Amino acid sequence: MHFQVAPMAQGKLVQCLTGSIFDVVLDLRKNSKTYGKWEGIRLTSESHQMIYVPEGFAHGFQALEEGTKVLYKCTKLYSKEYERGIRFDDPDLAISWPYPPSLISPKDFELPYLKDLKL
């Protein structure tokens, strides 16, 4: 689950161009009633649906088909300095991924759980 912090916090418009994904957004706004809650939606190339992920939310997805391609349009440029993340398998979040993860980057395995996140 990835996001960027201020001053490079991003909003993202996400669309699945080919194949399908399970797309997840996670509320990171500390004063929100839904802080730490997530929602997931299936996006497919056939449906042409998109999802907007506002600043203050983390985002992640799982490809559901081989050859899946995803397009992001972001409100700010990528910045390694302001990039942050949360483990996809955080037990407190209990995200219901459709399939067991099969390909996770080493960087993503080093991310903290939400309770340990320093913003």
PDB file of N, CA and C in Angstrom:
ATOM      1  N   MET A   1       0.864  -1.156   0.000  1.00  0.00           N
ATOM      2  CA  MET A   1       0.000   0.000   0.000  1.00  0.00           C
ATOM      3  C   MET A   1       0.914   1.222   0.000  1.00  0.00           C
ATOM      4  N   HIS A   2       0.812   2.037  -1.055  1.00  0.00           N
ATOM      5  CA  HIS A   2       1.745   3.144  -1.252  1.00  0.00           C
ATOM      6  C   HIS A   2       1.046   4.496  -1.205  1.00  0.00           C
ATOM      7  N   PHE A   3       1.828   5.509  -0.829  1.00  0.00           N
ATOM      8  CA  PHE A   3       1.342   6.889  -0.825  1.00  0.00           C
ATOM      9  C   PHE A   3       2.537   7.810  -0.704  1.00  0.00           C
ATOM     10  N   GLN A   4       2.297   9.098  -0.871  1.00  0.00           N
ATOM     11  CA  GLN A   4       3.322  10.110  -0.657  1.00  0.00           C
ATOM     12  C   GLN A   4       2.795  11.111   0.359  1.00  0.00           C
ATOM     13  N   VAL A   5       3.710  11.669   1.156  1.00  0.00           N
ATOM     14  CA  VAL A   5       3.342  12.652   2.168  1.00  0.00           C
ATOM     15  C   VAL A   5       3.592  14.060   1.638  1.00  0.00           C
ATOM     16  N   ALA A   6       3.014  15.050   2.319  1.00  0.00           N
ATOM     17  CA  ALA A   6       3.170  16.456   1.943  1.00  0.00           C
ATOM     18  C   ALA A   6       4.642  16.835   1.995  1.00  0.00           C
ATOM     19  N   PRO A   7       5.088  17.675   1.134  1.00  0.00           N
ATOM     20  CA  PRO A   7       4.333  18.472   0.170  1.00  0.00           C
ATOM     21  C   PRO A   7       4.107  17.779  -1.170  1.00  0.00           C
ATOM     22  N   MET A   8       4.409  16.495  -1.255  1.00  0.00           N
ATOM     23  CA  MET A   8       4.252  15.770  -2.521  1.00  0.00           C
ATOM     24  C   MET A   8       3.119  14.752  -2.471  1.00  0.00           C
ATOM     25  N   ALA A   9       2.182  14.922  -1.529  1.00  0.00           N
ATOM     26  CA  ALA A   9       1.039  14.014  -1.447  1.00  0.00           C
ATOM     27  C   ALA A   9       0.299  14.019  -2.783  1.00  0.00           C
ATOM     28  N   GLN A  10      -0.125  12.850  -3.209  1.00  0.00           N
ATOM     29  CA  GLN A  10      -0.744  12.692  -4.519  1.00  0.00           C
ATOM     30  C   GLN A  10      -2.194  12.261  -4.430  1.00  0.00           C
ATOM     31  N   GLY A  11      -2.986  12.764  -5.340  1.00  0.00           N
ATOM     32  CA  GLY A  11      -4.247  12.147  -5.707  1.00  0.00           C
ATOM     33  C   GLY A  11      -3.958  11.306  -6.942  1.00  0.00           C
ATOM     34  N   LYS A  12      -4.657  10.181  -7.095  1.00  0.00           N
ATOM     35  CA  LYS A  12      -4.416   9.298  -8.240  1.00  0.00           C
ATOM     36  C   LYS A  12      -5.739   8.902  -8.875  1.00  0.00           C
ATOM     37  N   LEU A  13      -5.782   8.992 -10.175  1.00  0.00           N
ATOM     38  CA  LEU A  13      -6.887   8.440 -10.953  1.00  0.00           C
ATOM     39  C   LEU A  13      -6.361   7.136 -11.544  1.00  0.00           C
ATOM     40  N   VAL A  14      -7.029   6.025 -11.240  1.00  0.00           N
ATOM     41  CA  VAL A  14      -6.530   4.702 -11.600  1.00  0.00           C
ATOM     42  C   VAL A  14      -7.510   4.028 -12.557  1.00  0.00           C
ATOM     43  N   GLN A  15      -6.953   3.476 -13.638  1.00  0.00           N
ATOM     44  CA  GLN A  15      -7.757   2.761 -14.628  1.00  0.00           C
ATOM     45  C   GLN A  15      -7.018   1.501 -15.053  1.00  0.00           C
ATOM     46  N   CYS A  16      -7.746   0.438 -15.268  1.00  0.00           N
ATOM     47  CA  CYS A  16      -7.176  -0.806 -15.768  1.00  0.00           C
ATOM     48  C   CYS A  16      -7.339  -0.807 -17.290  1.00  0.00           C
ATOM     49  N   LEU A  17      -6.220  -0.797 -18.013  1.00  0.00           N
ATOM     50  CA  LEU A  17      -6.250  -0.718 -19.473  1.00  0.00           C
ATOM     51  C   LEU A  17      -6.446  -2.076 -20.139  1.00  0.00           C
ATOM     52  N   THR A  18      -5.800  -3.101 -19.596  1.00  0.00           N
ATOM     53  CA  THR A  18      -5.995  -4.465 -20.080  1.00  0.00           C
ATOM     54  C   THR A  18      -6.047  -5.393 -18.873  1.00  0.00           C
ATOM     55  N   GLY A  19      -6.864  -6.430 -18.977  1.00  0.00           N
ATOM     56  CA  GLY A  19      -6.987  -7.377 -17.876  1.00  0.00           C
ATOM     57  C   GLY A  19      -7.895  -6.870 -16.777  1.00  0.00           C
ATOM     58  N   SER A  20      -7.546  -7.209 -15.534  1.00  0.00           N
ATOM     59  CA  SER A  20      -8.362  -6.792 -14.389  1.00  0.00           C
ATOM     60  C   SER A  20      -7.505  -6.754 -13.131  1.00  0.00           C
ATOM     61  N   ILE A  21      -7.935  -5.923 -12.186  1.00  0.00           N
ATOM     62  CA  ILE A  21      -7.239  -5.786 -10.907  1.00  0.00           C
ATOM     63  C   ILE A  21      -8.247  -5.723  -9.769  1.00  0.00           C
ATOM     64  N   PHE A  22      -7.775  -6.068  -8.583  1.00  0.00           N
ATOM     65  CA  PHE A  22      -8.481  -5.765  -7.350  1.00  0.00           C
ATOM     66  C   PHE A  22      -7.763  -4.560  -6.774  1.00  0.00           C
ATOM     67  N   ASP A  23      -8.439  -3.433  -6.716  1.00  0.00           N
ATOM     68  CA  ASP A  23      -7.845  -2.163  -6.323  1.00  0.00           C
ATOM     69  C   ASP A  23      -8.297  -1.806  -4.909  1.00  0.00           C
ATOM     70  N   VAL A  24      -7.342  -1.402  -4.065  1.00  0.00           N
ATOM     71  CA  VAL A  24      -7.627  -1.131  -2.655  1.00  0.00           C
ATOM     72  C   VAL A  24      -7.187   0.284  -2.292  1.00  0.00           C
ATOM     73  N   VAL A  25      -8.042   0.997  -1.569  1.00  0.00           N
ATOM     74  CA  VAL A  25      -7.693   2.300  -0.993  1.00  0.00           C
ATOM     75  C   VAL A  25      -7.839   2.199   0.526  1.00  0.00           C
ATOM     76  N   LEU A  26      -6.920   2.856   1.226  1.00  0.00           N
ATOM     77  CA  LEU A  26      -6.849   2.792   2.686  1.00  0.00           C
ATOM     78  C   LEU A  26      -6.801   4.209   3.236  1.00  0.00           C
ATOM     79  N   ASP A  27      -7.728   4.543   4.129  1.00  0.00           N
ATOM     80  CA  ASP A  27      -7.799   5.884   4.710  1.00  0.00           C
ATOM     81  C   ASP A  27      -6.698   6.072   5.749  1.00  0.00           C
ATOM     82  N   LEU A  28      -5.853   7.085   5.523  1.00  0.00           N
ATOM     83  CA  LEU A  28      -4.764   7.408   6.451  1.00  0.00           C
ATOM     84  C   LEU A  28      -4.968   8.744   7.147  1.00  0.00           C
ATOM     85  N   ARG A  29      -6.152   9.324   7.014  1.00  0.00           N
ATOM     86  CA  ARG A  29      -6.429  10.620   7.642  1.00  0.00           C
ATOM     87  C   ARG A  29      -6.737  10.389   9.125  1.00  0.00           C
ATOM     88  N   LYS A  30      -5.811  10.787   9.973  1.00  0.00           N
ATOM     89  CA  LYS A  30      -5.891  10.499  11.420  1.00  0.00           C
ATOM     90  C   LYS A  30      -7.199  10.959  12.058  1.00  0.00           C
ATOM     91  N   ASN A  31      -7.782  12.066  11.616  1.00  0.00           N
ATOM     92  CA  ASN A  31      -9.006  12.597  12.226  1.00  0.00           C
ATOM     93  C   ASN A  31     -10.279  12.075  11.567  1.00  0.00           C
ATOM     94  N   SER A  32     -10.153  11.115  10.687  1.00  0.00           N
ATOM     95  CA  SER A  32     -11.307  10.574   9.978  1.00  0.00           C
ATOM     96  C   SER A  32     -11.957   9.434  10.762  1.00  0.00           C
ATOM     97  N   LYS A  33     -13.272   9.321  10.669  1.00  0.00           N
ATOM     98  CA  LYS A  33     -13.991   8.198  11.290  1.00  0.00           C
ATOM     99  C   LYS A  33     -13.616   6.874  10.624  1.00  0.00           C
ATOM    100  N   THR A  34     -13.088   6.953   9.399  1.00  0.00           N
ATOM    101  CA  THR A  34     -12.728   5.734   8.682  1.00  0.00           C
ATOM    102  C   THR A  34     -11.216   5.512   8.629  1.00  0.00           C
ATOM    103  N   TYR A  35     -10.463   6.171   9.525  1.00  0.00           N
ATOM    104  CA  TYR A  35      -9.013   5.976   9.588  1.00  0.00           C
ATOM    105  C   TYR A  35      -8.698   4.489   9.752  1.00  0.00           C
ATOM    106  N   GLY A  36      -7.787   3.996   8.919  1.00  0.00           N
ATOM    107  CA  GLY A  36      -7.381   2.595   9.008  1.00  0.00           C
ATOM    108  C   GLY A  36      -8.336   1.619   8.350  1.00  0.00           C
ATOM    109  N   LYS A  37      -9.389   2.127   7.730  1.00  0.00           N
ATOM    110  CA  LYS A  37     -10.354   1.268   7.029  1.00  0.00           C
ATOM    111  C   LYS A  37     -10.022   1.254   5.546  1.00  0.00           C
ATOM    112  N   TRP A  38     -10.332   0.157   4.891  1.00  0.00           N
ATOM    113  CA  TRP A  38     -10.045   0.015   3.467  1.00  0.00           C
ATOM    114  C   TRP A  38     -11.299  -0.371   2.702  1.00  0.00           C
ATOM    115  N   GLU A  39     -11.262  -0.096   1.413  1.00  0.00           N
ATOM    116  CA  GLU A  39     -12.307  -0.528   0.480  1.00  0.00           C
ATOM    117  C   GLU A  39     -11.613  -1.091  -0.747  1.00  0.00           C
ATOM    118  N   GLY A  40     -12.174  -2.124  -1.314  1.00  0.00           N
ATOM    119  CA  GLY A  40     -11.631  -2.725  -2.515  1.00  0.00           C
ATOM    120  C   GLY A  40     -12.672  -2.775  -3.612  1.00  0.00           C
ATOM    121  N   ILE A  41     -12.214  -2.632  -4.845  1.00  0.00           N
ATOM    122  CA  ILE A  41     -13.101  -2.678  -6.004  1.00  0.00           C
ATOM    123  C   ILE A  41     -12.380  -3.391  -7.135  1.00  0.00           C
ATOM    124  N   ARG A  42     -13.111  -4.134  -7.912  1.00  0.00           N
ATOM    125  CA  ARG A  42     -12.528  -4.779  -9.092  1.00  0.00           C
ATOM    126  C   ARG A  42     -12.653  -3.817 -10.268  1.00  0.00           C
ATOM    127  N   LEU A  43     -11.534  -3.544 -10.912  1.00  0.00           N
ATOM    128  CA  LEU A  43     -11.510  -2.724 -12.120  1.00  0.00           C
ATOM    129  C   LEU A  43     -11.101  -3.617 -13.284  1.00  0.00           C
ATOM    130  N   THR A  44     -11.823  -3.499 -14.400  1.00  0.00           N
ATOM    131  CA  THR A  44     -11.512  -4.295 -15.580  1.00  0.00           C
ATOM    132  C   THR A  44     -11.394  -3.383 -16.792  1.00  0.00           C
ATOM    133  N   SER A  45     -10.687  -3.879 -17.789  1.00  0.00           N
ATOM    134  CA  SER A  45     -10.573  -3.112 -19.024  1.00  0.00           C
ATOM    135  C   SER A  45     -11.928  -3.039 -19.731  1.00  0.00           C
ATOM    136  N   GLU A  46     -12.764  -4.039 -19.566  1.00  0.00           N
ATOM    137  CA  GLU A  46     -14.080  -4.044 -20.218  1.00  0.00           C
ATOM    138  C   GLU A  46     -15.042  -3.025 -19.611  1.00  0.00           C
ATOM    139  N   SER A  47     -14.952  -2.808 -18.308  1.00  0.00           N
ATOM    140  CA  SER A  47     -15.915  -1.907 -17.644  1.00  0.00           C
ATOM    141  C   SER A  47     -15.575  -0.437 -17.859  1.00  0.00           C
ATOM    142  N   HIS A  48     -14.306  -0.139 -18.130  1.00  0.00           N
ATOM    143  CA  HIS A  48     -13.841   1.251 -18.308  1.00  0.00           C
ATOM    144  C   HIS A  48     -14.024   2.095 -17.050  1.00  0.00           C
ATOM    145  N   GLN A  49     -14.271   1.463 -15.920  1.00  0.00           N
ATOM    146  CA  GLN A  49     -14.397   2.207 -14.663  1.00  0.00           C
ATOM    147  C   GLN A  49     -13.030   2.693 -14.214  1.00  0.00           C
ATOM    148  N   MET A  50     -13.039   3.790 -13.482  1.00  0.00           N
ATOM    149  CA  MET A  50     -11.831   4.328 -12.874  1.00  0.00           C
ATOM    150  C   MET A  50     -12.145   4.590 -11.411  1.00  0.00           C
ATOM    151  N   ILE A  51     -11.081   4.733 -10.624  1.00  0.00           N
ATOM    152  CA  ILE A  51     -11.257   5.116  -9.228  1.00  0.00           C
ATOM    153  C   ILE A  51     -10.301   6.261  -8.937  1.00  0.00           C
ATOM    154  N   TYR A  52     -10.798   7.230  -8.166  1.00  0.00           N
ATOM    155  CA  TYR A  52      -9.950   8.335  -7.747  1.00  0.00           C
ATOM    156  C   TYR A  52      -9.534   8.089  -6.305  1.00  0.00           C
ATOM    157  N   VAL A  53      -8.229   8.131  -6.069  1.00  0.00           N
ATOM    158  CA  VAL A  53      -7.665   7.949  -4.734  1.00  0.00           C
ATOM    159  C   VAL A  53      -7.161   9.310  -4.278  1.00  0.00           C
ATOM    160  N   PRO A  54      -7.851   9.957  -3.336  1.00  0.00           N
ATOM    161  CA  PRO A  54      -7.441  11.298  -2.922  1.00  0.00           C
ATOM    162  C   PRO A  54      -6.184  11.301  -2.055  1.00  0.00           C
ATOM    163  N   GLU A  55      -5.604  12.477  -1.904  1.00  0.00           N
ATOM    164  CA  GLU A  55      -4.511  12.639  -0.941  1.00  0.00           C
ATOM    165  C   GLU A  55      -5.002  12.159   0.412  1.00  0.00           C
ATOM    166  N   GLY A  56      -4.109  11.575   1.188  1.00  0.00           N
ATOM    167  CA  GLY A  56      -4.490  11.087   2.509  1.00  0.00           C
ATOM    168  C   GLY A  56      -4.908   9.627   2.517  1.00  0.00           C
ATOM    169  N   PHE A  57      -4.809   8.975   1.359  1.00  0.00           N
ATOM    170  CA  PHE A  57      -5.150   7.559   1.251  1.00  0.00           C
ATOM    171  C   PHE A  57      -3.961   6.806   0.671  1.00  0.00           C
ATOM    172  N   ALA A  58      -3.766   5.574   1.132  1.00  0.00           N
ATOM    173  CA  ALA A  58      -2.793   4.680   0.520  1.00  0.00           C
ATOM    174  C   ALA A  58      -3.503   3.880  -0.558  1.00  0.00           C
ATOM    175  N   HIS A  59      -2.724   3.377  -1.505  1.00  0.00           N
ATOM    176  CA  HIS A  59      -3.292   2.660  -2.639  1.00  0.00           C
ATOM    177  C   HIS A  59      -2.446   1.433  -2.968  1.00  0.00           C
ATOM    178  N   GLY A  60      -3.125   0.366  -3.329  1.00  0.00           N
ATOM    179  CA  GLY A  60      -2.451  -0.833  -3.803  1.00  0.00           C
ATOM    180  C   GLY A  60      -3.402  -1.647  -4.653  1.00  0.00           C
ATOM    181  N   PHE A  61      -2.862  -2.539  -5.449  1.00  0.00           N
ATOM    182  CA  PHE A  61      -3.723  -3.398  -6.257  1.00  0.00           C
ATOM    183  C   PHE A  61      -3.085  -4.753  -6.477  1.00  0.00           C
ATOM    184  N   GLN A  62      -3.934  -5.716  -6.831  1.00  0.00           N
ATOM    185  CA  GLN A  62      -3.481  -7.052  -7.200  1.00  0.00           C
ATOM    186  C   GLN A  62      -3.979  -7.332  -8.612  1.00  0.00           C
ATOM    187  N   ALA A  63      -3.046  -7.664  -9.525  1.00  0.00           N
ATOM    188  CA  ALA A  63      -3.437  -8.064 -10.883  1.00  0.00           C
ATOM    189  C   ALA A  63      -4.152  -9.408 -10.800  1.00  0.00           C
ATOM    190  N   LEU A  64      -5.268  -9.514 -11.506  1.00  0.00           N
ATOM    191  CA  LEU A  64      -6.059 -10.741 -11.483  1.00  0.00           C
ATOM    192  C   LEU A  64      -5.874 -11.583 -12.741  1.00  0.00           C
ATOM    193  N   GLU A  65      -5.151 -11.027 -13.729  1.00  0.00           N
ATOM    194  CA  GLU A  65      -4.922 -11.734 -14.980  1.00  0.00           C
ATOM    195  C   GLU A  65      -3.498 -11.462 -15.462  1.00  0.00           C
ATOM    196  N   GLU A  66      -2.938 -12.406 -16.199  1.00  0.00           N
ATOM    197  CA  GLU A  66      -1.649 -12.195 -16.854  1.00  0.00           C
ATOM    198  C   GLU A  66      -1.795 -11.055 -17.856  1.00  0.00           C
ATOM    199  N   GLY A  67      -0.757 -10.255 -18.001  1.00  0.00           N
ATOM    200  CA  GLY A  67      -0.758  -9.184 -18.995  1.00  0.00           C
ATOM    201  C   GLY A  67      -1.572  -7.964 -18.616  1.00  0.00           C
ATOM    202  N   THR A  68      -1.978  -7.876 -17.368  1.00  0.00           N
ATOM    203  CA  THR A  68      -2.759  -6.718 -16.916  1.00  0.00           C
ATOM    204  C   THR A  68      -1.899  -5.457 -16.971  1.00  0.00           C
ATOM    205  N   LYS A  69      -2.518  -4.365 -17.428  1.00  0.00           N
ATOM    206  CA  LYS A  69      -1.844  -3.065 -17.465  1.00  0.00           C
ATOM    207  C   LYS A  69      -2.718  -2.038 -16.777  1.00  0.00           C
ATOM    208  N   VAL A  70      -2.072  -1.197 -15.949  1.00  0.00           N
ATOM    209  CA  VAL A  70      -2.774  -0.194 -15.151  1.00  0.00           C
ATOM    210  C   VAL A  70      -2.204   1.178 -15.486  1.00  0.00           C
ATOM    211  N   LEU A  71      -3.087   2.167 -15.566  1.00  0.00           N
ATOM    212  CA  LEU A  71      -2.682   3.543 -15.831  1.00  0.00           C
ATOM    213  C   LEU A  71      -3.031   4.403 -14.630  1.00  0.00           C
ATOM    214  N   TYR A  72      -2.061   5.204 -14.172  1.00  0.00           N
ATOM    215  CA  TYR A  72      -2.278   6.185 -13.096  1.00  0.00           C
ATOM    216  C   TYR A  72      -2.140   7.572 -13.712  1.00  0.00           C
ATOM    217  N   LYS A  73      -2.982   8.462 -13.293  1.00  0.00           N
ATOM    218  CA  LYS A  73      -2.782   9.892 -13.538  1.00  0.00           C
ATOM    219  C   LYS A  73      -2.694  10.504 -12.151  1.00  0.00           C
ATOM    220  N   CYS A  74      -1.590  11.181 -11.865  1.00  0.00           N
ATOM    221  CA  CYS A  74      -1.317  11.669 -10.513  1.00  0.00           C
ATOM    222  C   CYS A  74      -1.302  13.191 -10.474  1.00  0.00           C
ATOM    223  N   THR A  75      -1.709  13.733  -9.329  1.00  0.00           N
ATOM    224  CA  THR A  75      -1.747  15.189  -9.168  1.00  0.00           C
ATOM    225  C   THR A  75      -0.378  15.787  -8.889  1.00  0.00           C
ATOM    226  N   LYS A  76       0.567  14.966  -8.451  1.00  0.00           N
ATOM    227  CA  LYS A  76       1.953  15.404  -8.206  1.00  0.00           C
ATOM    228  C   LYS A  76       2.892  14.355  -8.779  1.00  0.00           C
ATOM    229  N   LEU A  77       4.113  14.768  -9.060  1.00  0.00           N
ATOM    230  CA  LEU A  77       5.117  13.841  -9.568  1.00  0.00           C
ATOM    231  C   LEU A  77       5.567  12.869  -8.469  1.00  0.00           C
ATOM    232  N   TYR A  78       6.101  11.732  -8.890  1.00  0.00           N
ATOM    233  CA  TYR A  78       6.681  10.777  -7.958  1.00  0.00           C
ATOM    234  C   TYR A  78       7.885  11.408  -7.270  1.00  0.00           C
ATOM    235  N   SER A  79       8.001  11.172  -5.970  1.00  0.00           N
ATOM    236  CA  SER A  79       9.135  11.665  -5.199  1.00  0.00           C
ATOM    237  C   SER A  79       9.583  10.579  -4.227  1.00  0.00           C
ATOM    238  N   LYS A  80      10.750  10.018  -4.486  1.00  0.00           N
ATOM    239  CA  LYS A  80      11.290   8.980  -3.603  1.00  0.00           C
ATOM    240  C   LYS A  80      11.402   9.481  -2.163  1.00  0.00           C
ATOM    241  N   GLU A  81      11.773  10.747  -2.006  1.00  0.00           N
ATOM    242  CA  GLU A  81      11.953  11.333  -0.671  1.00  0.00           C
ATOM    243  C   GLU A  81      10.655  11.332   0.143  1.00  0.00           C
ATOM    244  N   TYR A  82       9.525  11.499  -0.520  1.00  0.00           N
ATOM    245  CA  TYR A  82       8.239  11.600   0.182  1.00  0.00           C
ATOM    246  C   TYR A  82       7.382  10.339   0.052  1.00  0.00           C
ATOM    247  N   GLU A  83       7.944   9.306  -0.547  1.00  0.00           N
ATOM    248  CA  GLU A  83       7.228   8.046  -0.713  1.00  0.00           C
ATOM    249  C   GLU A  83       7.175   7.295   0.619  1.00  0.00           C
ATOM    250  N   ARG A  84       6.023   6.722   0.911  1.00  0.00           N
ATOM    251  CA  ARG A  84       5.829   5.907   2.107  1.00  0.00           C
ATOM    252  C   ARG A  84       4.972   4.703   1.730  1.00  0.00           C
ATOM    253  N   GLY A  85       4.835   3.777   2.666  1.00  0.00           N
ATOM    254  CA  GLY A  85       4.007   2.619   2.401  1.00  0.00           C
ATOM    255  C   GLY A  85       3.666   1.857   3.663  1.00  0.00           C
ATOM    256  N   ILE A  86       2.737   0.938   3.506  1.00  0.00           N
ATOM    257  CA  ILE A  86       2.255   0.081   4.589  1.00  0.00           C
ATOM    258  C   ILE A  86       2.204  -1.340   4.044  1.00  0.00           C
ATOM    259  N   ARG A  87       2.517  -2.311   4.873  1.00  0.00           N
ATOM    260  CA  ARG A  87       2.508  -3.708   4.451  1.00  0.00           C
ATOM    261  C   ARG A  87       1.142  -4.113   3.910  1.00  0.00           C
ATOM    262  N   PHE A  88       1.169  -4.822   2.791  1.00  0.00           N
ATOM    263  CA  PHE A  88      -0.051  -5.332   2.159  1.00  0.00           C
ATOM    264  C   PHE A  88      -0.734  -6.387   3.022  1.00  0.00           C
ATOM    265  N   ASP A  89       0.039  -7.020   3.905  1.00  0.00           N
ATOM    266  CA  ASP A  89      -0.488  -8.118   4.726  1.00  0.00           C
ATOM    267  C   ASP A  89      -0.596  -7.747   6.205  1.00  0.00           C
ATOM    268  N   ASP A  90      -0.766  -6.457   6.480  1.00  0.00           N
ATOM    269  CA  ASP A  90      -0.916  -5.981   7.864  1.00  0.00           C
ATOM    270  C   ASP A  90      -2.099  -6.711   8.509  1.00  0.00           C
ATOM    271  N   PRO A  91      -1.868  -7.466   9.574  1.00  0.00           N
ATOM    272  CA  PRO A  91      -2.968  -8.231  10.180  1.00  0.00           C
ATOM    273  C   PRO A  91      -4.076  -7.348  10.760  1.00  0.00           C
ATOM    274  N   ASP A  92      -3.747  -6.139  11.195  1.00  0.00           N
ATOM    275  CA  ASP A  92      -4.788  -5.246  11.726  1.00  0.00           C
ATOM    276  C   ASP A  92      -5.699  -4.730  10.626  1.00  0.00           C
ATOM    277  N   LEU A  93      -5.190  -4.611   9.419  1.00  0.00           N
ATOM    278  CA  LEU A  93      -6.020  -4.162   8.289  1.00  0.00           C
ATOM    279  C   LEU A  93      -6.840  -5.309   7.724  1.00  0.00           C
ATOM    280  N   ALA A  94      -6.265  -6.504   7.692  1.00  0.00           N
ATOM    281  CA  ALA A  94      -6.937  -7.714   7.197  1.00  0.00           C
ATOM    282  C   ALA A  94      -7.559  -7.491   5.812  1.00  0.00           C
ATOM    283  N   ILE A  95      -6.757  -6.974   4.892  1.00  0.00           N
ATOM    284  CA  ILE A  95      -7.250  -6.777   3.529  1.00  0.00           C
ATOM    285  C   ILE A  95      -7.516  -8.142   2.906  1.00  0.00           C
ATOM    286  N   SER A  96      -8.691  -8.275   2.309  1.00  0.00           N
ATOM    287  CA  SER A  96      -9.114  -9.548   1.710  1.00  0.00           C
ATOM    288  C   SER A  96      -8.698  -9.595   0.241  1.00  0.00           C
ATOM    289  N   TRP A  97      -7.412  -9.850  -0.001  1.00  0.00           N
ATOM    290  CA  TRP A  97      -6.929  -9.977  -1.370  1.00  0.00           C
ATOM    291  C   TRP A  97      -7.562 -11.208  -1.997  1.00  0.00           C
ATOM    292  N   PRO A  98      -7.955 -11.152  -3.266  1.00  0.00           N
ATOM    293  CA  PRO A  98      -8.629 -12.297  -3.893  1.00  0.00           C
ATOM    294  C   PRO A  98      -7.773 -13.563  -3.953  1.00  0.00           C
ATOM    295  N   TYR A  99      -6.452 -13.399  -4.128  1.00  0.00           N
ATOM    296  CA  TYR A  99      -5.545 -14.533  -4.238  1.00  0.00           C
ATOM    297  C   TYR A  99      -4.366 -14.333  -3.292  1.00  0.00           C
ATOM    298  N   PRO A 100      -3.741 -15.413  -2.859  1.00  0.00           N
ATOM    299  CA  PRO A 100      -2.501 -15.237  -2.093  1.00  0.00           C
ATOM    300  C   PRO A 100      -1.482 -14.496  -2.954  1.00  0.00           C
ATOM    301  N   PRO A 101      -0.809 -13.509  -2.405  1.00  0.00           N
ATOM    302  CA  PRO A 101       0.194 -12.775  -3.188  1.00  0.00           C
ATOM    303  C   PRO A 101       1.285 -13.713  -3.701  1.00  0.00           C
ATOM    304  N   SER A 102       1.660 -13.526  -4.967  1.00  0.00           N
ATOM    305  CA  SER A 102       2.673 -14.399  -5.553  1.00  0.00           C
ATOM    306  C   SER A 102       3.927 -13.656  -5.990  1.00  0.00           C
ATOM    307  N   LEU A 103       3.843 -12.343  -6.148  1.00  0.00           N
ATOM    308  CA  LEU A 103       5.003 -11.566  -6.582  1.00  0.00           C
ATOM    309  C   LEU A 103       4.992 -10.229  -5.841  1.00  0.00           C
ATOM    310  N   ILE A 104       5.837 -10.135  -4.820  1.00  0.00           N
ATOM    311  CA  ILE A 104       5.933  -8.932  -3.988  1.00  0.00           C
ATOM    312  C   ILE A 104       7.377  -8.451  -4.040  1.00  0.00           C
ATOM    313  N   SER A 105       7.571  -7.152  -4.237  1.00  0.00           N
ATOM    314  CA  SER A 105       8.934  -6.624  -4.295  1.00  0.00           C
ATOM    315  C   SER A 105       9.584  -6.695  -2.913  1.00  0.00           C
ATOM    316  N   PRO A 106      10.894  -6.870  -2.863  1.00  0.00           N
ATOM    317  CA  PRO A 106      11.594  -6.864  -1.565  1.00  0.00           C
ATOM    318  C   PRO A 106      11.332  -5.565  -0.793  1.00  0.00           C
ATOM    319  N   LYS A 107      11.238  -4.449  -1.490  1.00  0.00           N
ATOM    320  CA  LYS A 107      10.963  -3.158  -0.839  1.00  0.00           C
ATOM    321  C   LYS A 107       9.620  -3.183  -0.097  1.00  0.00           C
ATOM    322  N   ASP A 108       8.613  -3.825  -0.702  1.00  0.00           N
ATOM    323  CA  ASP A 108       7.294  -3.882  -0.069  1.00  0.00           C
ATOM    324  C   ASP A 108       7.288  -4.750   1.180  1.00  0.00           C
ATOM    325  N   PHE A 109       8.152  -5.762   1.245  1.00  0.00           N
ATOM    326  CA  PHE A 109       8.241  -6.598   2.440  1.00  0.00           C
ATOM    327  C   PHE A 109       8.876  -5.848   3.610  1.00  0.00           C
ATOM    328  N   GLU A 110       9.588  -4.762   3.333  1.00  0.00           N
ATOM    329  CA  GLU A 110      10.232  -3.977   4.382  1.00  0.00           C
ATOM    330  C   GLU A 110       9.353  -2.857   4.922  1.00  0.00           C
ATOM    331  N   LEU A 111       8.176  -2.665   4.342  1.00  0.00           N
ATOM    332  CA  LEU A 111       7.291  -1.587   4.797  1.00  0.00           C
ATOM    333  C   LEU A 111       6.741  -1.899   6.190  1.00  0.00           C
ATOM    334  N   PRO A 112       6.417  -0.854   6.951  1.00  0.00           N
ATOM    335  CA  PRO A 112       5.875  -1.063   8.308  1.00  0.00           C
ATOM    336  C   PRO A 112       4.388  -1.397   8.279  1.00  0.00           C
ATOM    337  N   TYR A 113       3.918  -1.909   9.402  1.00  0.00           N
ATOM    338  CA  TYR A 113       2.475  -2.038   9.615  1.00  0.00           C
ATOM    339  C   TYR A 113       1.932  -0.651   9.940  1.00  0.00           C
ATOM    340  N   LEU A 114       0.632  -0.466   9.786  1.00  0.00           N
ATOM    341  CA  LEU A 114       0.019   0.839  10.036  1.00  0.00           C
ATOM    342  C   LEU A 114       0.316   1.331  11.446  1.00  0.00           C
ATOM    343  N   LYS A 115       0.227   0.460  12.435  1.00  0.00           N
ATOM    344  CA  LYS A 115       0.455   0.888  13.823  1.00  0.00           C
ATOM    345  C   LYS A 115       1.875   1.390  14.059  1.00  0.00           C
ATOM    346  N   ASP A 116       2.813   0.991  13.210  1.00  0.00           N
ATOM    347  CA  ASP A 116       4.209   1.400  13.354  1.00  0.00           C
ATOM    348  C   ASP A 116       4.599   2.532  12.407  1.00  0.00           C
ATOM    349  N   LEU A 117       3.662   3.015  11.636  1.00  0.00           N
ATOM    350  CA  LEU A 117       3.941   4.034  10.625  1.00  0.00           C
ATOM    351  C   LEU A 117       4.242   5.387  11.280  1.00  0.00           C
ATOM    352  N   LYS A 118       5.316   5.988  10.832  1.00  0.00           N
ATOM    353  CA  LYS A 118       5.691   7.338  11.289  1.00  0.00           C
ATOM    354  C   LYS A 118       5.426   8.286  10.136  1.00  0.00           C
ATOM    355  N   LEU A 119       4.485   9.211  10.317  1.00  0.00           N
ATOM    356  CA  LEU A 119       4.173  10.164   9.231  1.00  0.00           C
ATOM    357  C   LEU A 119       4.845  11.482   9.426  1.00  0.00           C
TER     358      LEU A 119
END
